[in-house]
Amino acid sequence: MPALLLIERNLLIYRHTWYLLLAEVLEPMLYLLTIGVGIGQLVGHVPGLGGTGSGGGGIGYSVYVAPALLATAAMNGAMNETTFNMFAKLKLQRVYDSILATPMTVYDVAVGEVCWALLRGVLITAGFLAVVGAFGLVHSAWILLVVPGAALVGFAFASVGLAVVTCLRTWADFQFIQLAMLPMFLFATTFYPLSVYPRPIQIAVECLPLYQSIQLIRLPALGHPGTALLLPVVYLLLMGALGLRIALPRMQKLLLR
């Protein structure tokens, strides 16, 4: 598969810049320490979300926040690759001009970059999962589903990032990405449960892709796998497919003009 060659190229480059992945693990770790552990000392427990073996009672605030930060790490890892890094390859480095001089097609480039971004998101999430385990915040063996869950989250956001990057004109346009990502990070039940909102706002929050990503990670992490995971899975698959559907013709136009 030609797209695998692009993944191999990125892996060869990251052999020398692997520490950048560690830097992306550091960000959610700081949130976990400052908010999950720090503010968690004031909050105490989140009621009604007891995991396996808890008797259905509340869970510690840091245990509640950690899965959301795992989902956020997968999102940021994948989205950063197909927006910031890919924009540099498109506009500054002109990497794809030389790649497309080979038998590789625009489709191969798109699939290769999405798969690499997905892998990058999974690596960052796995690294942060190790931190979560070291902090003693793992209370269910179902948390191992975080890895395939992170792959799905990475696919969805990488595909959307691929579509977004084809619309960016200058580095200043990245502020619009932050304008969308930051409120979603704050409101998508990252730090407090959905029940704190009135019902009309709950419906709006449930439509956010990060909320569905957090559900996909948080439910098994707290020992609640089941049919409730079907909605996030379908949502993220459709989101990824739609992102690719929009991105491919735009990339064709952008790279072959």
Protein backbone atom coordinates (compact mmCIF):
# COMPACT_ATOMS: atom_id res chain seq x y z
CA MET A 1 0.00 0.00 0.00
CA PRO A 2 1.66 3.26 -1.14
CA ALA A 3 0.27 5.22 1.82
CA LEU A 4 2.43 3.09 4.13
CA LEU A 5 5.51 4.64 2.53
CA LEU A 6 4.40 8.05 3.77
CA ILE A 7 3.99 6.66 7.28
CA GLU A 8 7.48 5.16 7.04
CA ARG A 9 8.85 8.56 5.96
CA ASN A 10 7.26 10.27 8.96
CA LEU A 11 8.58 7.59 11.32
CA LEU A 12 12.10 8.10 9.98
CA ILE A 13 11.80 11.84 10.62
CA TYR A 14 10.38 11.36 14.12
CA ARG A 15 13.35 9.21 15.08
CA HIS A 16 15.18 12.50 15.55
CA THR A 17 12.29 14.52 17.02
CA TRP A 18 10.62 11.91 19.25
CA TYR A 19 10.82 14.30 22.21
CA LEU A 20 8.05 16.37 20.58
CA LEU A 21 5.63 13.54 21.37
CA LEU A 22 6.71 13.67 25.02
CA ALA A 23 5.94 17.39 25.04
CA GLU A 24 2.37 16.60 23.96
CA VAL A 25 2.03 14.14 26.84
CA LEU A 26 3.17 16.88 29.22
CA GLU A 27 0.20 19.16 28.47
CA PRO A 28 -2.58 16.77 29.62
CA MET A 29 -0.40 15.73 32.54
CA LEU A 30 -0.29 19.35 33.72
CA TYR A 31 -4.08 19.58 33.45
CA LEU A 32 -4.37 16.37 35.44
CA LEU A 33 -2.11 17.69 38.18
CA THR A 34 -3.50 21.21 38.41
CA ILE A 35 -7.20 20.53 37.91
CA GLY A 36 -7.71 16.78 38.39
CA VAL A 37 -5.55 16.51 41.51
CA GLY A 38 -5.34 20.15 42.68
CA ILE A 39 -8.95 21.26 42.31
CA GLY A 40 -9.97 17.66 42.95
CA GLN A 41 -8.93 18.17 46.58
CA LEU A 42 -11.74 20.75 46.84
CA VAL A 43 -14.31 18.90 44.72
CA GLY A 44 -13.93 15.49 46.33
CA HIS A 45 -16.08 12.96 44.47
CA VAL A 46 -18.30 13.02 41.38
CA PRO A 47 -21.55 11.25 42.33
CA GLY A 48 -23.32 8.56 40.37
CA LEU A 49 -20.41 7.37 38.24
CA GLY A 50 -19.02 4.56 40.32
CA GLY A 51 -16.75 2.17 38.49
CA THR A 52 -16.28 -1.55 38.92
CA GLY A 53 -16.09 -2.48 42.54
CA SER A 54 -17.20 0.89 43.85
CA GLY A 55 -20.70 -0.18 44.72
CA GLY A 56 -22.20 2.39 42.37
CA GLY A 57 -21.04 5.32 44.49
CA GLY A 58 -19.13 8.37 43.41
CA ILE A 59 -15.61 8.39 42.04
CA GLY A 60 -12.67 10.64 42.78
CA TYR A 61 -12.54 13.79 40.71
CA SER A 62 -9.10 12.97 39.26
CA VAL A 63 -10.40 9.54 38.17
CA TYR A 64 -13.28 11.32 36.42
CA VAL A 65 -11.04 13.84 34.64
CA ALA A 66 -8.29 11.44 33.51
CA PRO A 67 -10.29 9.63 30.75
CA ALA A 68 -11.43 12.97 29.31
CA LEU A 69 -7.82 14.10 29.10
CA LEU A 70 -6.94 10.82 27.39
CA ALA A 71 -9.57 11.56 24.73
CA THR A 72 -8.30 15.13 24.43
CA ALA A 73 -4.73 13.87 23.96
CA ALA A 74 -5.87 11.66 21.08
CA MET A 75 -7.78 14.55 19.53
CA ASN A 76 -4.93 17.06 19.82
CA GLY A 77 -2.26 14.61 18.66
CA ALA A 78 -4.15 13.78 15.46
CA MET A 79 -5.52 17.28 14.79
CA ASN A 80 -2.14 18.96 15.23
CA GLU A 81 -0.58 16.65 12.67
CA THR A 82 -3.13 17.29 9.91
CA THR A 83 -3.38 21.03 10.57
CA PHE A 84 -0.19 22.67 11.91
CA ASN A 85 2.33 20.16 10.57
CA MET A 86 0.58 19.52 7.29
CA PHE A 87 0.10 23.25 6.64
CA ALA A 88 3.88 23.65 6.90
CA LYS A 89 4.38 20.80 4.42
CA LEU A 90 1.87 22.36 2.03
CA LYS A 91 2.82 26.02 2.17
CA LEU A 92 6.44 26.23 3.33
CA GLN A 93 8.29 22.99 2.70
CA ARG A 94 6.41 21.96 -0.46
CA VAL A 95 6.88 18.33 0.56
CA TYR A 96 4.02 17.01 -1.54
CA ASP A 97 5.35 18.44 -4.79
CA SER A 98 8.19 15.94 -4.72
CA ILE A 99 6.04 13.12 -3.34
CA LEU A 100 3.54 13.47 -6.18
CA ALA A 101 6.39 13.25 -8.68
CA THR A 102 6.54 9.58 -7.69
CA PRO A 103 3.80 7.01 -8.45
CA MET A 104 1.98 8.11 -5.27
CA THR A 105 -1.38 9.81 -5.79
CA VAL A 106 -3.20 12.52 -3.84
CA TYR A 107 -5.40 9.75 -2.39
CA ASP A 108 -2.28 7.96 -1.12
CA VAL A 109 -1.04 11.20 0.46
CA ALA A 110 -4.37 11.82 2.17
CA VAL A 111 -4.69 8.28 3.52
CA GLY A 112 -1.05 8.20 4.57
CA GLU A 113 -1.29 11.48 6.49
CA VAL A 114 -4.53 10.46 8.21
CA CYS A 115 -3.06 7.09 9.21
CA TRP A 116 0.09 8.77 10.50
CA ALA A 117 -1.94 11.34 12.45
CA LEU A 118 -4.04 8.48 13.88
CA LEU A 119 -0.88 6.64 14.93
CA ARG A 120 0.54 9.82 16.46
CA GLY A 121 -2.64 10.35 18.49
CA VAL A 122 -2.53 6.76 19.74
CA LEU A 123 1.14 7.07 20.76
CA ILE A 124 0.45 10.26 22.71
CA THR A 125 -2.60 8.70 24.37
CA ALA A 126 -0.66 5.55 25.26
CA GLY A 127 2.07 7.68 26.79
CA PHE A 128 -0.44 9.60 28.88
CA LEU A 129 -2.19 6.35 29.82
CA ALA A 130 1.08 5.23 31.37
CA VAL A 131 1.11 8.47 33.40
CA VAL A 132 -2.50 7.87 34.50
CA GLY A 133 -1.57 4.36 35.61
CA ALA A 134 1.48 5.66 37.50
CA PHE A 135 -0.79 8.07 39.39
CA GLY A 136 -2.96 5.13 40.48
CA LEU A 137 -6.04 6.34 38.56
CA VAL A 138 -6.80 3.05 36.80
CA HIS A 139 -9.71 1.22 38.42
CA SER A 140 -10.92 -1.09 35.65
CA ALA A 141 -9.24 -3.47 33.21
CA TRP A 142 -11.61 -2.11 30.56
CA ILE A 143 -9.36 0.95 30.36
CA LEU A 144 -7.36 -1.08 27.81
CA LEU A 145 -10.11 -0.13 25.34
CA VAL A 146 -8.59 3.35 25.47
CA VAL A 147 -6.10 2.29 22.77
CA PRO A 148 -8.60 1.31 20.04
CA GLY A 149 -10.81 4.16 21.22
CA ALA A 150 -7.95 6.62 20.74
CA ALA A 151 -7.42 5.22 17.23
CA LEU A 152 -11.03 5.99 16.35
CA VAL A 153 -10.85 9.45 17.89
CA GLY A 154 -7.62 10.06 16.00
CA PHE A 155 -9.20 8.95 12.70
CA ALA A 156 -12.19 11.27 13.15
CA PHE A 157 -10.21 14.39 14.05
CA ALA A 158 -7.37 13.70 11.61
CA SER A 159 -9.87 13.48 8.75
CA VAL A 160 -11.56 16.71 9.80
CA GLY A 161 -8.14 18.35 10.20
CA LEU A 162 -7.29 17.27 6.65
CA ALA A 163 -10.40 19.03 5.38
CA VAL A 164 -9.71 22.12 7.49
CA VAL A 165 -6.09 22.52 6.35
CA THR A 166 -7.19 22.77 2.72
CA CYS A 167 -9.16 25.90 3.66
CA LEU A 168 -6.37 27.70 5.54
CA ARG A 169 -4.66 30.60 3.78
CA THR A 170 -2.11 31.87 6.31
CA TRP A 171 -0.89 31.04 9.83
CA ALA A 172 -3.31 33.65 11.15
CA ASP A 173 -6.20 31.38 10.18
CA PHE A 174 -5.21 28.94 12.92
CA GLN A 175 -6.91 31.21 15.43
CA PHE A 176 -10.23 29.97 14.05
CA ILE A 177 -9.23 26.40 14.89
CA GLN A 178 -8.46 27.45 18.45
CA LEU A 179 -11.74 29.35 18.57
CA ALA A 180 -13.53 26.05 17.96
CA MET A 181 -11.28 23.71 19.94
CA LEU A 182 -10.92 25.63 23.21
CA PRO A 183 -14.66 26.05 24.01
CA MET A 184 -15.24 22.41 23.05
CA PHE A 185 -12.46 21.36 25.43
CA LEU A 186 -13.99 23.38 28.26
CA PHE A 187 -17.65 22.47 27.78
CA ALA A 188 -17.59 18.84 26.54
CA THR A 189 -17.76 17.35 30.10
CA THR A 190 -13.97 17.34 30.39
CA PHE A 191 -14.08 18.70 33.94
CA TYR A 192 -17.69 18.27 35.06
CA PRO A 193 -20.60 15.96 34.23
CA LEU A 194 -23.32 16.65 31.69
CA SER A 195 -25.93 16.90 34.44
CA VAL A 196 -24.72 20.36 35.51
CA TYR A 197 -26.29 21.86 32.36
CA PRO A 198 -29.97 22.54 31.70
CA ARG A 199 -31.45 20.10 29.18
CA PRO A 200 -31.27 22.38 26.08
CA ILE A 201 -27.55 22.90 26.63
CA GLN A 202 -27.07 19.19 27.31
CA ILE A 203 -28.40 18.44 23.82
CA ALA A 204 -25.94 20.91 22.29
CA VAL A 205 -23.04 19.42 24.28
CA GLU A 206 -24.00 15.88 23.23
CA CYS A 207 -23.56 16.95 19.60
CA LEU A 208 -19.93 17.95 20.15
CA PRO A 209 -17.38 15.49 18.70
CA LEU A 210 -15.16 15.80 21.77
CA TYR A 211 -18.08 14.85 24.02
CA GLN A 212 -18.62 11.66 22.01
CA SER A 213 -14.86 11.00 22.12
CA ILE A 214 -14.82 11.43 25.89
CA GLN A 215 -17.77 9.05 26.25
CA LEU A 216 -15.94 6.46 24.15
CA ILE A 217 -12.94 6.62 26.50
CA ARG A 218 -14.58 7.40 29.85
CA LEU A 219 -17.24 4.68 29.92
CA PRO A 220 -14.85 1.69 29.66
CA ALA A 221 -12.25 3.48 31.81
CA LEU A 222 -14.81 3.63 34.61
CA GLY A 223 -15.84 0.01 34.07
CA HIS A 224 -19.00 0.65 32.03
CA PRO A 225 -18.54 -0.95 28.59
CA GLY A 226 -21.75 -1.77 26.75
CA THR A 227 -24.19 -0.66 24.11
CA ALA A 228 -23.77 2.97 25.18
CA LEU A 229 -20.48 2.89 23.25
CA LEU A 230 -22.25 2.30 19.94
CA LEU A 231 -23.34 5.91 19.51
CA PRO A 232 -19.82 7.38 19.93
CA VAL A 233 -18.39 4.73 17.59
CA VAL A 234 -20.93 5.45 14.84
CA TYR A 235 -20.65 9.21 15.36
CA LEU A 236 -16.85 9.22 15.03
CA LEU A 237 -16.83 6.84 12.05
CA LEU A 238 -19.29 9.07 10.19
CA MET A 239 -17.33 12.16 11.18
CA GLY A 240 -14.11 10.67 9.82
CA ALA A 241 -15.75 9.52 6.60
CA LEU A 242 -17.31 12.94 6.05
CA GLY A 243 -13.97 14.64 6.70
CA LEU A 244 -12.27 12.49 4.07
CA ARG A 245 -15.14 13.02 1.63
CA ILE A 246 -14.67 16.78 1.89
CA ALA A 247 -10.86 16.73 2.00
CA LEU A 248 -10.05 14.51 -0.99
CA PRO A 249 -11.45 16.68 -3.81
CA ARG A 250 -10.07 19.81 -2.16
CA MET A 251 -6.62 18.24 -1.93
CA GLN A 252 -6.83 17.19 -5.57
CA LYS A 253 -7.53 20.80 -6.51
CA LEU A 254 -4.86 22.19 -4.18
CA LEU A 255 -2.00 19.84 -5.09
CA LEU A 256 -2.64 19.33 -8.80
CA ARG A 257 -3.39 22.90 -9.84
